[in-house]
Amino acid sequence: MANLNKFTVSGILSAIAISFGSLGTTATLFDNVHQSEEEIKQLSNQLELLDEQLEDLKHENIITRVHNAKEILEFCDMSIDEKNNLLSFLSNSIKEATLRQNYELAEINLKKVIPFLMECEVYPKFK
């Protein structure tokens, strides 16, 4: 019976030791998971910031190009009606980029004007 008690006590002590070891491992895993979640949140925040910066750059790019087109258009020798029509496309381009942030449609409107600017006599001076 003494051997049985020793076996039982040692078994219980071993089981307790294993449990504490598992708890340590579980705590480490929990810490790792928590750290990974924090890293994911930080990366997500960085990605959102990069998306915002990309949108700003797209907007800045199209607006700069539209203003350049308007400047060239000022020097083109064409009728007032033609200029007004082209200025309308450029204004629509700015509206799409600024109000709707639809850069594809803004680009389409800008591209409608470019062939006319290329035929303009003053265009080679701006190359």
N, C-alpha and C. Protein backbone atom coordinates (compact mmCIF):
# COMPACT_ATOMS: atom_id res chain seq x y z
N MET A 1 0.81 -1.17 0.00
CA MET A 1 0.00 0.00 0.00
C MET A 1 0.86 1.25 0.00
N ALA A 2 2.02 1.18 0.64
CA ALA A 2 2.92 2.32 0.69
C ALA A 2 3.41 2.66 -0.71
N ASN A 3 3.71 1.61 -1.50
CA ASN A 3 4.14 1.85 -2.87
C ASN A 3 3.05 2.50 -3.70
N LEU A 4 1.81 2.10 -3.48
CA LEU A 4 0.68 2.66 -4.20
C LEU A 4 0.52 4.14 -3.88
N ASN A 5 0.69 4.49 -2.58
CA ASN A 5 0.59 5.89 -2.18
C ASN A 5 1.71 6.72 -2.81
N LYS A 6 2.93 6.16 -2.83
CA LYS A 6 4.05 6.87 -3.44
C LYS A 6 3.78 7.07 -4.93
N PHE A 7 3.25 6.04 -5.57
CA PHE A 7 2.97 6.12 -7.00
C PHE A 7 1.88 7.17 -7.26
N THR A 8 0.89 7.18 -6.46
CA THR A 8 -0.22 8.11 -6.61
C THR A 8 0.24 9.54 -6.36
N VAL A 9 1.02 9.75 -5.31
CA VAL A 9 1.52 11.08 -5.00
C VAL A 9 2.45 11.55 -6.10
N SER A 10 3.36 10.67 -6.54
CA SER A 10 4.29 11.07 -7.59
C SER A 10 3.54 11.30 -8.90
N GLY A 11 2.51 10.52 -9.15
CA GLY A 11 1.69 10.71 -10.35
C GLY A 11 0.97 12.05 -10.32
N ILE A 12 0.43 12.36 -9.15
CA ILE A 12 -0.27 13.64 -9.00
C ILE A 12 0.71 14.80 -9.17
N LEU A 13 1.89 14.68 -8.56
CA LEU A 13 2.89 15.73 -8.70
C LEU A 13 3.34 15.89 -10.15
N SER A 14 3.50 14.78 -10.84
CA SER A 14 3.86 14.83 -12.26
C SER A 14 2.76 15.50 -13.09
N ALA A 15 1.55 15.13 -12.79
CA ALA A 15 0.42 15.72 -13.52
C ALA A 15 0.35 17.22 -13.28
N ILE A 16 0.59 17.63 -12.05
CA ILE A 16 0.58 19.06 -11.72
C ILE A 16 1.71 19.77 -12.45
N ALA A 17 2.88 19.16 -12.46
CA ALA A 17 4.04 19.76 -13.14
C ALA A 17 3.76 19.91 -14.64
N ILE A 18 3.17 18.88 -15.23
CA ILE A 18 2.84 18.92 -16.66
C ILE A 18 1.81 20.01 -16.92
N SER A 19 0.82 20.12 -16.03
CA SER A 19 -0.21 21.15 -16.19
C SER A 19 0.39 22.55 -16.16
N PHE A 20 1.29 22.78 -15.20
CA PHE A 20 1.93 24.09 -15.13
C PHE A 20 2.79 24.34 -16.37
N GLY A 21 3.44 23.30 -16.85
CA GLY A 21 4.23 23.44 -18.07
C GLY A 21 3.34 23.78 -19.25
N SER A 22 2.19 23.13 -19.34
CA SER A 22 1.23 23.41 -20.40
C SER A 22 0.69 24.83 -20.27
N LEU A 23 0.44 25.25 -19.05
CA LEU A 23 -0.05 26.62 -18.84
C LEU A 23 0.98 27.62 -19.33
N GLY A 24 2.24 27.33 -19.07
CA GLY A 24 3.29 28.22 -19.54
C GLY A 24 3.31 28.28 -21.06
N THR A 25 3.17 27.12 -21.70
CA THR A 25 3.14 27.05 -23.15
C THR A 25 1.90 27.75 -23.69
N THR A 26 0.77 27.53 -23.03
CA THR A 26 -0.48 28.17 -23.44
C THR A 26 -0.37 29.68 -23.30
N ALA A 27 0.22 30.15 -22.22
CA ALA A 27 0.40 31.59 -22.02
C ALA A 27 1.30 32.16 -23.11
N THR A 28 2.35 31.43 -23.46
CA THR A 28 3.25 31.88 -24.51
C THR A 28 2.52 31.95 -25.85
N LEU A 29 1.72 30.93 -26.15
CA LEU A 29 0.93 30.93 -27.38
C LEU A 29 -0.05 32.09 -27.40
N PHE A 30 -0.70 32.33 -26.27
CA PHE A 30 -1.64 33.43 -26.16
C PHE A 30 -0.94 34.76 -26.41
N ASP A 31 0.24 34.92 -25.82
CA ASP A 31 1.02 36.14 -26.02
C ASP A 31 1.38 36.31 -27.50
N ASN A 32 1.78 35.21 -28.14
CA ASN A 32 2.15 35.25 -29.56
C ASN A 32 0.95 35.62 -30.43
N VAL A 33 -0.21 35.05 -30.11
CA VAL A 33 -1.42 35.36 -30.86
C VAL A 33 -1.78 36.83 -30.67
N HIS A 34 -1.70 37.30 -29.43
CA HIS A 34 -2.02 38.70 -29.14
C HIS A 34 -1.05 39.63 -29.88
N GLN A 35 0.23 39.29 -29.87
CA GLN A 35 1.23 40.09 -30.57
C GLN A 35 0.95 40.09 -32.07
N SER A 36 0.57 38.95 -32.62
CA SER A 36 0.25 38.86 -34.05
C SER A 36 -0.96 39.72 -34.38
N GLU A 37 -1.97 39.71 -33.52
CA GLU A 37 -3.14 40.54 -33.74
C GLU A 37 -2.77 42.02 -33.75
N GLU A 38 -1.89 42.42 -32.87
CA GLU A 38 -1.44 43.82 -32.82
C GLU A 38 -0.67 44.17 -34.09
N GLU A 39 0.17 43.26 -34.54
CA GLU A 39 0.93 43.50 -35.77
C GLU A 39 -0.01 43.63 -36.96
N ILE A 40 -1.04 42.79 -37.00
CA ILE A 40 -2.03 42.86 -38.08
C ILE A 40 -2.76 44.19 -38.05
N LYS A 41 -3.12 44.67 -36.86
CA LYS A 41 -3.78 45.98 -36.74
C LYS A 41 -2.87 47.09 -37.24
N GLN A 42 -1.59 47.03 -36.87
CA GLN A 42 -0.64 48.05 -37.31
C GLN A 42 -0.47 48.03 -38.82
N LEU A 43 -0.36 46.83 -39.40
CA LEU A 43 -0.22 46.72 -40.85
C LEU A 43 -1.48 47.20 -41.56
N SER A 44 -2.62 46.90 -40.98
CA SER A 44 -3.88 47.36 -41.55
C SER A 44 -3.96 48.88 -41.55
N ASN A 45 -3.53 49.49 -40.45
CA ASN A 45 -3.51 50.96 -40.37
C ASN A 45 -2.55 51.55 -41.40
N GLN A 46 -1.39 50.92 -41.56
CA GLN A 46 -0.42 51.39 -42.54
C GLN A 46 -0.97 51.27 -43.96
N LEU A 47 -1.69 50.17 -44.21
CA LEU A 47 -2.29 49.97 -45.52
C LEU A 47 -3.34 51.02 -45.82
N GLU A 48 -4.16 51.35 -44.83
CA GLU A 48 -5.16 52.41 -45.00
C GLU A 48 -4.49 53.74 -45.31
N LEU A 49 -3.40 54.03 -44.62
CA LEU A 49 -2.67 55.27 -44.86
C LEU A 49 -2.10 55.30 -46.27
N LEU A 50 -1.54 54.17 -46.72
CA LEU A 50 -1.01 54.09 -48.07
C LEU A 50 -2.11 54.25 -49.13
N ASP A 51 -3.28 53.68 -48.86
CA ASP A 51 -4.42 53.84 -49.77
C ASP A 51 -4.82 55.30 -49.89
N GLU A 52 -4.85 56.00 -48.76
CA GLU A 52 -5.17 57.42 -48.76
C GLU A 52 -4.13 58.22 -49.54
N GLN A 53 -2.85 57.88 -49.35
CA GLN A 53 -1.79 58.58 -50.07
C GLN A 53 -1.87 58.32 -51.57
N LEU A 54 -2.22 57.08 -51.94
CA LEU A 54 -2.37 56.74 -53.35
C LEU A 54 -3.51 57.54 -53.97
N GLU A 55 -4.62 57.65 -53.27
CA GLU A 55 -5.75 58.45 -53.76
C GLU A 55 -5.34 59.90 -53.94
N ASP A 56 -4.58 60.43 -52.99
CA ASP A 56 -4.11 61.81 -53.09
C ASP A 56 -3.21 61.99 -54.31
N LEU A 57 -2.34 61.02 -54.55
CA LEU A 57 -1.44 61.11 -55.70
C LEU A 57 -2.20 61.01 -57.02
N LYS A 58 -3.19 60.14 -57.08
CA LYS A 58 -4.02 60.03 -58.29
C LYS A 58 -4.71 61.35 -58.57
N HIS A 59 -5.27 61.94 -57.51
CA HIS A 59 -5.98 63.21 -57.66
C HIS A 59 -5.02 64.30 -58.11
N GLU A 60 -3.88 64.39 -57.46
CA GLU A 60 -2.89 65.41 -57.81
C GLU A 60 -2.42 65.25 -59.25
N ASN A 61 -2.23 64.01 -59.68
CA ASN A 61 -1.75 63.73 -61.03
C ASN A 61 -2.75 64.21 -62.08
N ILE A 62 -4.01 63.84 -61.92
CA ILE A 62 -4.99 64.21 -62.94
C ILE A 62 -5.24 65.71 -62.94
N ILE A 63 -5.25 66.33 -61.78
CA ILE A 63 -5.48 67.77 -61.70
C ILE A 63 -4.32 68.52 -62.37
N THR A 64 -3.10 68.10 -62.12
CA THR A 64 -1.94 68.72 -62.75
C THR A 64 -2.01 68.60 -64.26
N ARG A 65 -2.36 67.44 -64.73
CA ARG A 65 -2.44 67.21 -66.18
C ARG A 65 -3.55 68.03 -66.81
N VAL A 66 -4.68 68.18 -66.11
CA VAL A 66 -5.78 69.00 -66.62
C VAL A 66 -5.35 70.46 -66.69
N HIS A 67 -4.70 70.94 -65.65
CA HIS A 67 -4.23 72.33 -65.66
C HIS A 67 -3.21 72.56 -66.78
N ASN A 68 -2.36 71.61 -67.01
CA ASN A 68 -1.41 71.72 -68.13
C ASN A 68 -2.15 71.78 -69.46
N ALA A 69 -3.17 70.96 -69.61
CA ALA A 69 -3.97 70.97 -70.84
C ALA A 69 -4.67 72.31 -71.01
N LYS A 70 -5.20 72.86 -69.92
CA LYS A 70 -5.85 74.17 -70.00
C LYS A 70 -4.86 75.25 -70.43
N GLU A 71 -3.66 75.18 -69.91
CA GLU A 71 -2.63 76.16 -70.27
C GLU A 71 -2.30 76.09 -71.75
N ILE A 72 -2.16 74.90 -72.27
CA ILE A 72 -1.89 74.73 -73.69
C ILE A 72 -3.07 75.22 -74.51
N LEU A 73 -4.27 74.92 -74.05
CA LEU A 73 -5.49 75.30 -74.76
C LEU A 73 -5.60 76.82 -74.90
N GLU A 74 -5.12 77.52 -73.91
CA GLU A 74 -5.16 79.00 -73.97
C GLU A 74 -4.44 79.52 -75.21
N PHE A 75 -3.37 78.88 -75.61
CA PHE A 75 -2.55 79.36 -76.72
C PHE A 75 -2.94 78.76 -78.07
N CYS A 76 -3.90 77.87 -78.07
CA CYS A 76 -4.32 77.25 -79.32
C CYS A 76 -5.15 78.22 -80.14
N ASP A 77 -4.93 78.15 -81.44
CA ASP A 77 -5.68 78.98 -82.37
C ASP A 77 -6.87 78.16 -82.86
N MET A 78 -8.01 78.36 -82.21
CA MET A 78 -9.24 77.66 -82.59
C MET A 78 -10.42 78.55 -82.21
N SER A 79 -11.57 78.16 -82.66
CA SER A 79 -12.76 78.98 -82.38
C SER A 79 -13.11 78.94 -80.89
N ILE A 80 -13.84 79.93 -80.46
CA ILE A 80 -14.29 80.01 -79.07
C ILE A 80 -15.16 78.80 -78.74
N ASP A 81 -16.00 78.40 -79.67
CA ASP A 81 -16.87 77.24 -79.43
C ASP A 81 -16.06 75.96 -79.21
N GLU A 82 -15.03 75.78 -80.05
CA GLU A 82 -14.16 74.60 -79.88
C GLU A 82 -13.47 74.63 -78.52
N LYS A 83 -12.92 75.79 -78.16
CA LYS A 83 -12.25 75.92 -76.87
C LYS A 83 -13.20 75.65 -75.72
N ASN A 84 -14.40 76.21 -75.80
CA ASN A 84 -15.38 76.00 -74.73
C ASN A 84 -15.77 74.53 -74.60
N ASN A 85 -15.89 73.87 -75.74
CA ASN A 85 -16.21 72.44 -75.73
C ASN A 85 -15.10 71.64 -75.04
N LEU A 86 -13.85 71.96 -75.39
CA LEU A 86 -12.71 71.27 -74.78
C LEU A 86 -12.57 71.62 -73.31
N LEU A 87 -12.81 72.88 -72.97
CA LEU A 87 -12.78 73.28 -71.55
C LEU A 87 -13.86 72.56 -70.75
N SER A 88 -14.96 72.28 -71.38
CA SER A 88 -16.03 71.52 -70.71
C SER A 88 -15.55 70.11 -70.35
N PHE A 89 -14.84 69.46 -71.28
CA PHE A 89 -14.28 68.13 -70.99
C PHE A 89 -13.28 68.20 -69.83
N LEU A 90 -12.46 69.25 -69.85
CA LEU A 90 -11.47 69.40 -68.79
C LEU A 90 -12.14 69.69 -67.44
N SER A 91 -13.17 70.49 -67.45
CA SER A 91 -13.92 70.76 -66.20
C SER A 91 -14.57 69.49 -65.68
N ASN A 92 -15.11 68.70 -66.60
CA ASN A 92 -15.72 67.42 -66.19
C ASN A 92 -14.66 66.48 -65.61
N SER A 93 -13.48 66.55 -66.16
CA SER A 93 -12.38 65.73 -65.65
C SER A 93 -12.07 66.11 -64.20
N ILE A 94 -12.00 67.40 -63.93
CA ILE A 94 -11.74 67.87 -62.57
C ILE A 94 -12.87 67.46 -61.63
N LYS A 95 -14.11 67.59 -62.09
CA LYS A 95 -15.27 67.20 -61.25
C LYS A 95 -15.21 65.72 -60.90
N GLU A 96 -14.93 64.89 -61.91
CA GLU A 96 -14.87 63.45 -61.66
C GLU A 96 -13.77 63.10 -60.66
N ALA A 97 -12.63 63.74 -60.83
CA ALA A 97 -11.49 63.44 -59.95
C ALA A 97 -11.73 63.97 -58.55
N THR A 98 -12.28 65.16 -58.44
CA THR A 98 -12.41 65.80 -57.14
C THR A 98 -13.66 65.38 -56.39
N LEU A 99 -14.80 65.43 -57.05
CA LEU A 99 -16.06 65.15 -56.36
C LEU A 99 -16.36 63.67 -56.23
N ARG A 100 -16.10 62.93 -57.28
CA ARG A 100 -16.48 61.50 -57.27
C ARG A 100 -15.29 60.57 -57.10
N GLN A 101 -14.08 61.13 -57.19
CA GLN A 101 -12.85 60.34 -57.13
C GLN A 101 -12.89 59.18 -58.11
N ASN A 102 -13.47 59.49 -59.27
CA ASN A 102 -13.53 58.52 -60.36
C ASN A 102 -12.44 58.89 -61.36
N TYR A 103 -11.24 58.36 -61.12
CA TYR A 103 -10.08 58.75 -61.92
C TYR A 103 -10.13 58.19 -63.33
N GLU A 104 -10.81 57.07 -63.51
CA GLU A 104 -10.92 56.50 -64.84
C GLU A 104 -11.74 57.42 -65.75
N LEU A 105 -12.87 57.90 -65.24
CA LEU A 105 -13.71 58.80 -66.02
C LEU A 105 -13.01 60.16 -66.22
N ALA A 106 -12.29 60.60 -65.21
CA ALA A 106 -11.52 61.84 -65.34
C ALA A 106 -10.48 61.69 -66.46
N GLU A 107 -9.84 60.54 -66.51
CA GLU A 107 -8.84 60.26 -67.54
C GLU A 107 -9.48 60.23 -68.93
N ILE A 108 -10.66 59.63 -69.02
CA ILE A 108 -11.37 59.57 -70.31
C ILE A 108 -11.67 60.98 -70.81
N ASN A 109 -12.16 61.84 -69.92
CA ASN A 109 -12.46 63.22 -70.31
C ASN A 109 -11.20 63.96 -70.76
N LEU A 110 -10.12 63.75 -70.05
CA LEU A 110 -8.85 64.39 -70.42
C LEU A 110 -8.38 63.89 -71.78
N LYS A 111 -8.51 62.60 -72.03
CA LYS A 111 -8.03 62.01 -73.29
C LYS A 111 -8.85 62.48 -74.49
N LYS A 112 -10.06 62.97 -74.25
CA LYS A 112 -10.87 63.52 -75.35
C LYS A 112 -10.25 64.84 -75.85
N VAL A 113 -9.53 65.53 -75.00
CA VAL A 113 -8.96 66.84 -75.33
C VAL A 113 -7.57 66.71 -75.95
N ILE A 114 -6.83 65.73 -75.55
CA ILE A 114 -5.42 65.60 -75.95
C ILE A 114 -5.22 65.60 -77.47
N PRO A 115 -6.02 64.88 -78.26
CA PRO A 115 -5.80 64.93 -79.72
C PRO A 115 -5.92 66.34 -80.30
N PHE A 116 -6.83 67.13 -79.77
CA PHE A 116 -6.98 68.51 -80.24
C PHE A 116 -5.76 69.35 -79.86
N LEU A 117 -5.25 69.09 -78.66
CA LEU A 117 -4.06 69.84 -78.22
C LEU A 117 -2.84 69.47 -79.06
N MET A 118 -2.77 68.22 -79.48
CA MET A 118 -1.63 67.77 -80.28
C MET A 118 -1.65 68.40 -81.67
N GLU A 119 -2.84 68.74 -82.16
CA GLU A 119 -2.95 69.38 -83.47
C GLU A 119 -2.75 70.89 -83.38
N CYS A 120 -2.79 71.39 -82.17
CA CYS A 120 -2.62 72.82 -81.95
C CYS A 120 -1.20 73.23 -82.34
N GLU A 121 -1.08 74.37 -83.01
CA GLU A 121 0.24 74.80 -83.49
C GLU A 121 1.21 75.08 -82.35
N VAL A 122 0.72 75.42 -81.19
CA VAL A 122 1.59 75.77 -80.09
C VAL A 122 2.10 74.53 -79.34
N TYR A 123 1.49 73.37 -79.59
CA TYR A 123 1.80 72.16 -78.84
C TYR A 123 3.29 71.80 -78.85
N PRO A 124 3.99 71.85 -79.98
CA PRO A 124 5.42 71.48 -79.95
C PRO A 124 6.26 72.33 -79.01
N LYS A 125 5.84 73.54 -78.71
CA LYS A 125 6.59 74.39 -77.79
C LYS A 125 6.57 73.85 -76.37
N PHE A 126 5.58 73.03 -76.04
CA PHE A 126 5.43 72.51 -74.69
C PHE A 126 6.02 71.13 -74.52
N LYS A 127 6.54 70.52 -75.58
CA LYS A 127 7.10 69.18 -75.49
C LYS A 127 8.36 69.17 -74.67
